[in-house]
Amino acid sequence: MTSRFNHERLRLSGEAERVVASVKFPNDSGWFSGHFPGNPIVPGVALLAVVAEAVSEWECSEGRSLTITGVRRVRFRLPVRPDDEVTLEAIRMPKKEGSAYVFNVYLAGENACSGVLTYR
């Protein structure tokens, strides 16, 4: 997946059921355009985009493809600012519970964002 916004390459690691990645949003990233002048904050949609990208890349590296169908139960708890590095963890739910990854995005060990990413 190619992002039209500038963020450093995701570093992926993981197991069959778990994806871990980290990303840093440089100060000159397009995500900060207008969000907010004088007090830049990574938009929530950017955090969701890197989660989706990490999960998609991981699935592709395992020879599987998926289509993201939605996000639910999303909570934003901490602001992420330019040059902050975040670590994300996404855990695949058992199929009996539906096709989904439960995810958390951490900033300096604190939960900045969490939710459920659904796919088919």
C-alpha atoms as a PDB file:
ATOM      1  CA  MET A   1       0.000   0.000   0.000  1.00  0.00           C
ATOM      2  CA  THR A   2       1.422   3.404  -0.902  1.00  0.00           C
ATOM      3  CA  SER A   3       0.563   6.421   1.191  1.00  0.00           C
ATOM      4  CA  ARG A   4       0.432   9.842  -0.387  1.00  0.00           C
ATOM      5  CA  PHE A   5       1.472  11.294   2.937  1.00  0.00           C
ATOM      6  CA  ASN A   6       4.997  11.374   4.278  1.00  0.00           C
ATOM      7  CA  HIS A   7       5.772   9.079   7.170  1.00  0.00           C
ATOM      8  CA  GLU A   8       8.833   7.015   7.821  1.00  0.00           C
ATOM      9  CA  ARG A   9       8.777   3.418   6.664  1.00  0.00           C
ATOM     10  CA  LEU A  10       6.986   1.065   8.968  1.00  0.00           C
ATOM     11  CA  ARG A  11       9.186  -1.448  10.711  1.00  0.00           C
ATOM     12  CA  LEU A  12       7.143  -4.619  10.910  1.00  0.00           C
ATOM     13  CA  SER A  13       7.583  -7.634  13.071  1.00  0.00           C
ATOM     14  CA  GLY A  14       5.109 -10.168  14.225  1.00  0.00           C
ATOM     15  CA  GLU A  15       3.784 -13.640  14.529  1.00  0.00           C
ATOM     16  CA  ALA A  16       0.873 -15.356  12.807  1.00  0.00           C
ATOM     17  CA  GLU A  17      -1.704 -13.613  14.985  1.00  0.00           C
ATOM     18  CA  ARG A  18       0.056 -10.367  15.956  1.00  0.00           C
ATOM     19  CA  VAL A  19       1.511  -7.413  14.048  1.00  0.00           C
ATOM     20  CA  VAL A  20       3.819  -4.858  15.674  1.00  0.00           C
ATOM     21  CA  ALA A  21       5.079  -1.772  13.840  1.00  0.00           C
ATOM     22  CA  SER A  22       6.424   1.666  14.593  1.00  0.00           C
ATOM     23  CA  VAL A  23       6.136   4.897  12.666  1.00  0.00           C
ATOM     24  CA  LYS A  24       7.279   8.472  13.046  1.00  0.00           C
ATOM     25  CA  PHE A  25       5.426  11.395  11.456  1.00  0.00           C
ATOM     26  CA  PRO A  26       8.039  13.950  10.316  1.00  0.00           C
ATOM     27  CA  ASN A  27       7.375  17.625  10.910  1.00  0.00           C
ATOM     28  CA  ASP A  28       6.919  18.229   7.151  1.00  0.00           C
ATOM     29  CA  SER A  29       4.266  15.514   6.751  1.00  0.00           C
ATOM     30  CA  GLY A  30       1.171  16.445   4.753  1.00  0.00           C
ATOM     31  CA  TRP A  31      -0.914  15.167   7.653  1.00  0.00           C
ATOM     32  CA  PHE A  32      -0.178  18.392   9.531  1.00  0.00           C
ATOM     33  CA  SER A  33      -1.481  20.690   6.801  1.00  0.00           C
ATOM     34  CA  GLY A  34      -4.173  22.699   8.579  1.00  0.00           C
ATOM     35  CA  HIS A  35      -4.289  20.368  11.588  1.00  0.00           C
ATOM     36  CA  PHE A  36      -3.756  22.707  13.528  1.00  0.00           C
ATOM     37  CA  PRO A  37      -1.766  25.853  12.688  1.00  0.00           C
ATOM     38  CA  GLY A  38       0.556  26.691  15.562  1.00  0.00           C
ATOM     39  CA  ASN A  39      -0.349  23.463  17.389  1.00  0.00           C
ATOM     40  CA  PRO A  40       0.167  20.551  14.962  1.00  0.00           C
ATOM     41  CA  ILE A  41      -1.395  17.206  15.889  1.00  0.00           C
ATOM     42  CA  VAL A  42      -1.470  13.975  13.882  1.00  0.00           C
ATOM     43  CA  PRO A  43      -5.085  13.541  12.753  1.00  0.00           C
ATOM     44  CA  GLY A  44      -6.830  10.433  14.004  1.00  0.00           C
ATOM     45  CA  VAL A  45      -7.365   9.266  10.442  1.00  0.00           C
ATOM     46  CA  ALA A  46      -3.568   9.200   9.994  1.00  0.00           C
ATOM     47  CA  LEU A  47      -3.208   6.855  12.962  1.00  0.00           C
ATOM     48  CA  LEU A  48      -5.920   4.628  11.498  1.00  0.00           C
ATOM     49  CA  ALA A  49      -4.165   4.725   8.115  1.00  0.00           C
ATOM     50  CA  VAL A  50      -0.883   3.421   9.539  1.00  0.00           C
ATOM     51  CA  VAL A  51      -2.699   0.635  11.384  1.00  0.00           C
ATOM     52  CA  ALA A  52      -4.439  -0.370   8.147  1.00  0.00           C
ATOM     53  CA  GLU A  53      -1.149  -0.152   6.236  1.00  0.00           C
ATOM     54  CA  ALA A  54       0.720  -2.298   8.766  1.00  0.00           C
ATOM     55  CA  VAL A  55      -1.980  -4.970   8.812  1.00  0.00           C
ATOM     56  CA  SER A  56      -2.251  -4.977   5.008  1.00  0.00           C
ATOM     57  CA  GLU A  57       1.535  -5.237   4.565  1.00  0.00           C
ATOM     58  CA  TRP A  58       1.737  -8.049   7.086  1.00  0.00           C
ATOM     59  CA  GLU A  59      -1.084 -10.031   5.470  1.00  0.00           C
ATOM     60  CA  CYS A  60       0.493  -9.515   2.035  1.00  0.00           C
ATOM     61  CA  SER A  61       3.882 -10.725   3.309  1.00  0.00           C
ATOM     62  CA  GLU A  62       2.105 -13.881   4.510  1.00  0.00           C
ATOM     63  CA  GLY A  63       0.600 -14.430   1.043  1.00  0.00           C
ATOM     64  CA  ARG A  64      -2.895 -13.289   1.989  1.00  0.00           C
ATOM     65  CA  SER A  65      -4.897 -10.331   0.782  1.00  0.00           C
ATOM     66  CA  LEU A  66      -7.593  -8.473   2.615  1.00  0.00           C
ATOM     67  CA  THR A  67      -9.971  -5.601   2.138  1.00  0.00           C
ATOM     68  CA  ILE A  68     -10.480  -3.271   5.074  1.00  0.00           C
ATOM     69  CA  THR A  69     -14.224  -2.951   5.659  1.00  0.00           C
ATOM     70  CA  GLY A  70     -14.313  -0.624   8.640  1.00  0.00           C
ATOM     71  CA  VAL A  71     -13.192   0.462  12.066  1.00  0.00           C
ATOM     72  CA  ARG A  72     -15.176   0.404  15.271  1.00  0.00           C
ATOM     73  CA  ARG A  73     -14.825   1.187  18.950  1.00  0.00           C
ATOM     74  CA  VAL A  74     -12.079   3.707  18.137  1.00  0.00           C
ATOM     75  CA  ARG A  75     -10.855   5.818  21.040  1.00  0.00           C
ATOM     76  CA  PHE A  76      -8.296   8.600  20.816  1.00  0.00           C
ATOM     77  CA  ARG A  77      -6.668   9.211  24.185  1.00  0.00           C
ATOM     78  CA  LEU A  78      -3.468  11.192  23.597  1.00  0.00           C
ATOM     79  CA  PRO A  79      -2.393  13.709  20.950  1.00  0.00           C
ATOM     80  CA  VAL A  80       0.459  12.640  18.670  1.00  0.00           C
ATOM     81  CA  ARG A  81       2.678  15.509  17.537  1.00  0.00           C
ATOM     82  CA  PRO A  82       5.304  15.994  14.806  1.00  0.00           C
ATOM     83  CA  ASP A  83       8.334  13.728  15.191  1.00  0.00           C
ATOM     84  CA  ASP A  84       6.639  11.585  17.836  1.00  0.00           C
ATOM     85  CA  GLU A  85       7.294   7.886  17.306  1.00  0.00           C
ATOM     86  CA  VAL A  86       4.342   5.603  17.912  1.00  0.00           C
ATOM     87  CA  THR A  87       4.266   1.838  18.181  1.00  0.00           C
ATOM     88  CA  LEU A  88       1.226  -0.086  17.114  1.00  0.00           C
ATOM     89  CA  GLU A  89       0.109  -3.569  17.938  1.00  0.00           C
ATOM     90  CA  ALA A  90      -2.678  -5.362  16.091  1.00  0.00           C
ATOM     91  CA  ILE A  91      -3.902  -8.798  17.137  1.00  0.00           C
ATOM     92  CA  ARG A  92      -6.009 -10.914  14.782  1.00  0.00           C
ATOM     93  CA  MET A  93      -9.217 -12.131  16.392  1.00  0.00           C
ATOM     94  CA  PRO A  94     -10.270 -15.769  16.029  1.00  0.00           C
ATOM     95  CA  LYS A  95     -12.428 -16.272  12.927  1.00  0.00           C
ATOM     96  CA  LYS A  96     -15.395 -17.351  15.058  1.00  0.00           C
ATOM     97  CA  GLU A  97     -15.513 -13.774  16.376  1.00  0.00           C
ATOM     98  CA  GLY A  98     -15.398 -12.266  12.882  1.00  0.00           C
ATOM     99  CA  SER A  99     -12.618 -11.025  10.637  1.00  0.00           C
ATOM    100  CA  ALA A 100     -11.006  -8.332  12.738  1.00  0.00           C
ATOM    101  CA  TYR A 101      -7.814  -7.037  14.308  1.00  0.00           C
ATOM    102  CA  VAL A 102      -7.945  -5.395  17.739  1.00  0.00           C
ATOM    103  CA  PHE A 103      -5.344  -2.623  17.772  1.00  0.00           C
ATOM    104  CA  ASN A 104      -3.570  -0.231  20.115  1.00  0.00           C
ATOM    105  CA  VAL A 105      -1.291   2.667  19.223  1.00  0.00           C
ATOM    106  CA  TYR A 106       1.212   3.617  21.926  1.00  0.00           C
ATOM    107  CA  LEU A 107       3.061   6.880  22.458  1.00  0.00           C
ATOM    108  CA  ALA A 108       5.933   6.569  24.950  1.00  0.00           C
ATOM    109  CA  GLY A 109       4.266   3.472  26.406  1.00  0.00           C
ATOM    110  CA  GLU A 110       0.899   5.193  26.896  1.00  0.00           C
ATOM    111  CA  ASN A 111      -2.188   4.215  24.925  1.00  0.00           C
ATOM    112  CA  ALA A 112      -2.835   6.974  22.362  1.00  0.00           C
ATOM    113  CA  CYS A 113      -5.476   5.167  20.283  1.00  0.00           C
ATOM    114  CA  SER A 114      -7.317   1.859  20.252  1.00  0.00           C
ATOM    115  CA  GLY A 115     -10.036   0.151  18.274  1.00  0.00           C
ATOM    116  CA  VAL A 116     -11.057  -2.723  16.043  1.00  0.00           C
ATOM    117  CA  LEU A 117     -10.195  -2.950  12.336  1.00  0.00           C
ATOM    118  CA  THR A 118     -12.574  -5.179  10.360  1.00  0.00           C
ATOM    119  CA  TYR A 119     -11.760  -6.852   7.051  1.00  0.00           C
ATOM    120  CA  ARG A 120     -12.809  -9.494   4.579  1.00  0.00           C
END
